[in-house]
Amino acid sequence: MIRETYKGRELKILKARQPDCVRQFVGGVIVHHGFSGTERQAIDNLKRIIDRLDERGPSCLSDEFPHWWPPATNTKVA
């Protein structure tokens, strides 16, 4: 399990039931049930997504869900 805070978001990675897969959580909300890769690859993937959101803003409806945004700045409602 990996747990860390990145740019105000709580990230957590847990092993999945499927072999060689992990579950990804952002802000306590599961965002992927079976990411194929290591725990380190999964946390790096979430960081890339967050960096993209911070740089370009939301590109689809699911990007606007509150768990993607830092709690102090979140004004969006799911």
N, C-alpha and C. Protein backbone atom coordinates (compact mmCIF):
# COMPACT_ATOMS: atom_id res chain seq x y z
N MET A 1 0.84 -1.18 0.00
CA MET A 1 0.00 0.00 0.00
C MET A 1 0.89 1.25 0.00
N ILE A 2 0.51 2.21 -0.79
CA ILE A 2 1.17 3.52 -0.80
C ILE A 2 0.10 4.55 -0.46
N ARG A 3 0.44 5.46 0.44
CA ARG A 3 -0.46 6.56 0.79
C ARG A 3 0.38 7.82 0.85
N GLU A 4 -0.03 8.84 0.12
CA GLU A 4 0.68 10.12 0.17
C GLU A 4 -0.24 11.25 -0.25
N THR A 5 0.18 12.45 0.06
CA THR A 5 -0.54 13.66 -0.34
C THR A 5 0.23 14.31 -1.47
N TYR A 6 -0.48 14.69 -2.51
CA TYR A 6 0.15 15.34 -3.66
C TYR A 6 -0.68 16.55 -4.04
N LYS A 7 -0.10 17.72 -3.91
CA LYS A 7 -0.78 18.98 -4.25
C LYS A 7 -2.14 19.08 -3.57
N GLY A 8 -2.21 18.67 -2.32
CA GLY A 8 -3.43 18.78 -1.54
C GLY A 8 -4.40 17.62 -1.70
N ARG A 9 -4.10 16.68 -2.58
CA ARG A 9 -4.99 15.52 -2.77
C ARG A 9 -4.41 14.31 -2.04
N GLU A 10 -5.29 13.57 -1.36
CA GLU A 10 -4.89 12.34 -0.70
C GLU A 10 -4.91 11.20 -1.71
N LEU A 11 -3.76 10.59 -1.96
CA LEU A 11 -3.66 9.47 -2.90
C LEU A 11 -3.40 8.19 -2.14
N LYS A 12 -4.03 7.10 -2.60
CA LYS A 12 -3.81 5.80 -1.96
C LYS A 12 -3.85 4.73 -3.04
N ILE A 13 -2.92 3.79 -2.92
CA ILE A 13 -2.85 2.66 -3.84
C ILE A 13 -2.91 1.38 -3.02
N LEU A 14 -3.80 0.47 -3.40
CA LEU A 14 -3.94 -0.82 -2.73
C LEU A 14 -3.88 -1.94 -3.76
N LYS A 15 -3.45 -3.10 -3.33
CA LYS A 15 -3.46 -4.27 -4.21
C LYS A 15 -4.89 -4.60 -4.61
N ALA A 16 -5.07 -5.06 -5.83
CA ALA A 16 -6.38 -5.49 -6.33
C ALA A 16 -6.46 -7.01 -6.29
N ARG A 17 -7.63 -7.53 -6.51
CA ARG A 17 -7.80 -8.99 -6.53
C ARG A 17 -7.14 -9.62 -7.75
N GLN A 18 -7.15 -8.87 -8.86
CA GLN A 18 -6.53 -9.38 -10.08
C GLN A 18 -5.01 -9.38 -9.91
N PRO A 19 -4.34 -10.39 -10.42
CA PRO A 19 -2.87 -10.40 -10.33
C PRO A 19 -2.26 -9.22 -11.08
N ASP A 20 -1.20 -8.68 -10.52
CA ASP A 20 -0.45 -7.57 -11.13
C ASP A 20 -1.29 -6.31 -11.35
N CYS A 21 -2.32 -6.11 -10.55
CA CYS A 21 -3.17 -4.92 -10.65
C CYS A 21 -3.30 -4.27 -9.28
N VAL A 22 -3.58 -2.98 -9.29
CA VAL A 22 -3.80 -2.23 -8.05
C VAL A 22 -5.04 -1.36 -8.19
N ARG A 23 -5.58 -0.93 -7.04
CA ARG A 23 -6.71 -0.01 -7.02
C ARG A 23 -6.18 1.37 -6.68
N GLN A 24 -6.72 2.39 -7.35
CA GLN A 24 -6.29 3.77 -7.15
C GLN A 24 -7.42 4.57 -6.48
N PHE A 25 -7.05 5.34 -5.46
CA PHE A 25 -8.00 6.19 -4.75
C PHE A 25 -7.48 7.62 -4.75
N VAL A 26 -8.38 8.57 -4.92
CA VAL A 26 -8.07 9.99 -4.78
C VAL A 26 -9.12 10.57 -3.85
N GLY A 27 -8.68 11.18 -2.77
CA GLY A 27 -9.62 11.76 -1.82
C GLY A 27 -10.58 10.76 -1.23
N GLY A 28 -10.15 9.51 -1.08
CA GLY A 28 -11.00 8.46 -0.52
C GLY A 28 -11.97 7.83 -1.51
N VAL A 29 -11.94 8.29 -2.76
CA VAL A 29 -12.84 7.78 -3.79
C VAL A 29 -12.04 6.90 -4.75
N ILE A 30 -12.55 5.70 -5.01
CA ILE A 30 -11.84 4.81 -5.93
C ILE A 30 -12.01 5.35 -7.36
N VAL A 31 -10.89 5.49 -8.07
CA VAL A 31 -10.94 5.98 -9.44
C VAL A 31 -10.57 4.90 -10.45
N HIS A 32 -9.99 3.80 -9.96
CA HIS A 32 -9.66 2.68 -10.86
C HIS A 32 -9.60 1.40 -10.04
N HIS A 33 -10.37 0.39 -10.45
CA HIS A 33 -10.42 -0.87 -9.71
C HIS A 33 -9.31 -1.83 -10.08
N GLY A 34 -8.74 -1.70 -11.27
CA GLY A 34 -7.74 -2.66 -11.73
C GLY A 34 -6.69 -2.06 -12.61
N PHE A 35 -5.95 -1.07 -12.10
CA PHE A 35 -4.85 -0.48 -12.86
C PHE A 35 -3.76 -1.53 -13.03
N SER A 36 -3.37 -1.79 -14.24
CA SER A 36 -2.36 -2.81 -14.52
C SER A 36 -0.97 -2.20 -14.38
N GLY A 37 -0.26 -2.59 -13.34
CA GLY A 37 1.08 -2.08 -13.10
C GLY A 37 1.42 -2.16 -11.63
N THR A 38 2.58 -1.60 -11.30
CA THR A 38 3.04 -1.62 -9.91
C THR A 38 2.39 -0.48 -9.13
N GLU A 39 2.58 -0.52 -7.82
CA GLU A 39 2.06 0.55 -6.98
C GLU A 39 2.72 1.88 -7.34
N ARG A 40 4.01 1.88 -7.60
CA ARG A 40 4.73 3.10 -7.96
C ARG A 40 4.23 3.65 -9.30
N GLN A 41 3.98 2.78 -10.28
CA GLN A 41 3.45 3.24 -11.57
C GLN A 41 2.06 3.85 -11.39
N ALA A 42 1.26 3.26 -10.51
CA ALA A 42 -0.10 3.76 -10.27
C ALA A 42 -0.08 5.13 -9.63
N ILE A 43 0.80 5.35 -8.65
CA ILE A 43 0.87 6.65 -7.99
C ILE A 43 1.40 7.71 -8.95
N ASP A 44 2.37 7.32 -9.79
CA ASP A 44 2.89 8.25 -10.80
C ASP A 44 1.81 8.61 -11.82
N ASN A 45 0.96 7.65 -12.17
CA ASN A 45 -0.14 7.90 -13.10
C ASN A 45 -1.11 8.92 -12.52
N LEU A 46 -1.46 8.77 -11.24
CA LEU A 46 -2.35 9.74 -10.61
C LEU A 46 -1.73 11.13 -10.58
N LYS A 47 -0.44 11.21 -10.31
CA LYS A 47 0.24 12.50 -10.28
C LYS A 47 0.23 13.16 -11.66
N ARG A 48 0.40 12.38 -12.72
CA ARG A 48 0.33 12.93 -14.08
C ARG A 48 -1.06 13.50 -14.37
N ILE A 49 -2.10 12.76 -13.94
CA ILE A 49 -3.47 13.22 -14.15
C ILE A 49 -3.71 14.53 -13.41
N ILE A 50 -3.27 14.61 -12.17
CA ILE A 50 -3.45 15.81 -11.36
C ILE A 50 -2.69 16.98 -11.98
N ASP A 51 -1.47 16.74 -12.43
CA ASP A 51 -0.69 17.80 -13.08
C ASP A 51 -1.41 18.31 -14.32
N ARG A 52 -1.98 17.39 -15.10
CA ARG A 52 -2.71 17.79 -16.31
C ARG A 52 -3.95 18.61 -15.95
N LEU A 53 -4.68 18.18 -14.91
CA LEU A 53 -5.86 18.92 -14.49
C LEU A 53 -5.49 20.32 -14.00
N ASP A 54 -4.40 20.42 -13.25
CA ASP A 54 -3.97 21.73 -12.75
C ASP A 54 -3.53 22.65 -13.88
N GLU A 55 -2.93 22.07 -14.90
CA GLU A 55 -2.41 22.86 -16.01
C GLU A 55 -3.50 23.27 -17.00
N ARG A 56 -4.36 22.32 -17.38
CA ARG A 56 -5.33 22.56 -18.44
C ARG A 56 -6.77 22.69 -17.98
N GLY A 57 -7.05 22.28 -16.75
CA GLY A 57 -8.43 22.26 -16.26
C GLY A 57 -9.14 20.98 -16.70
N PRO A 58 -10.39 20.82 -16.30
CA PRO A 58 -11.12 19.60 -16.65
C PRO A 58 -11.36 19.49 -18.15
N SER A 59 -11.22 18.27 -18.68
CA SER A 59 -11.47 18.05 -20.10
C SER A 59 -12.73 17.22 -20.34
N CYS A 60 -13.29 16.66 -19.27
CA CYS A 60 -14.55 15.91 -19.40
C CYS A 60 -15.30 16.03 -18.07
N LEU A 61 -16.53 15.57 -18.04
CA LEU A 61 -17.37 15.70 -16.86
C LEU A 61 -16.76 15.04 -15.63
N SER A 62 -16.16 13.86 -15.79
CA SER A 62 -15.60 13.16 -14.62
C SER A 62 -14.41 13.90 -14.01
N ASP A 63 -13.75 14.76 -14.78
CA ASP A 63 -12.64 15.56 -14.25
C ASP A 63 -13.12 16.62 -13.27
N GLU A 64 -14.41 16.91 -13.28
CA GLU A 64 -14.94 17.95 -12.40
C GLU A 64 -15.39 17.42 -11.05
N PHE A 65 -15.30 16.11 -10.83
CA PHE A 65 -15.70 15.56 -9.54
C PHE A 65 -14.80 16.10 -8.45
N PRO A 66 -15.35 16.36 -7.26
CA PRO A 66 -14.60 17.02 -6.19
C PRO A 66 -13.33 16.31 -5.74
N HIS A 67 -13.27 14.99 -5.82
CA HIS A 67 -12.08 14.30 -5.31
C HIS A 67 -10.82 14.62 -6.11
N TRP A 68 -10.96 15.13 -7.31
CA TRP A 68 -9.78 15.49 -8.12
C TRP A 68 -9.17 16.82 -7.71
N TRP A 69 -9.86 17.60 -6.92
CA TRP A 69 -9.41 18.96 -6.60
C TRP A 69 -9.04 19.08 -5.14
N PRO A 70 -8.07 19.95 -4.81
CA PRO A 70 -7.67 20.10 -3.41
C PRO A 70 -8.85 20.56 -2.56
N PRO A 71 -9.01 20.00 -1.36
CA PRO A 71 -10.16 20.33 -0.52
C PRO A 71 -10.31 21.83 -0.24
N ALA A 72 -9.23 22.55 -0.06
CA ALA A 72 -9.31 23.97 0.27
C ALA A 72 -9.83 24.81 -0.89
N THR A 73 -9.66 24.33 -2.14
CA THR A 73 -10.05 25.13 -3.30
C THR A 73 -11.26 24.55 -4.03
N ASN A 74 -11.77 23.44 -3.56
CA ASN A 74 -12.83 22.74 -4.29
C ASN A 74 -14.17 23.48 -4.13
N THR A 75 -14.71 23.95 -5.23
CA THR A 75 -16.03 24.55 -5.23
C THR A 75 -16.96 23.77 -6.14
N LYS A 76 -16.46 22.69 -6.71
CA LYS A 76 -17.27 21.88 -7.62
C LYS A 76 -18.10 20.88 -6.81
N VAL A 77 -19.26 20.50 -7.31
CA VAL A 77 -20.13 19.54 -6.65
C VAL A 77 -20.40 18.40 -7.60
N ALA A 78 -20.25 17.15 -7.12
CA ALA A 78 -20.49 15.98 -7.97
C ALA A 78 -21.96 15.76 -8.17
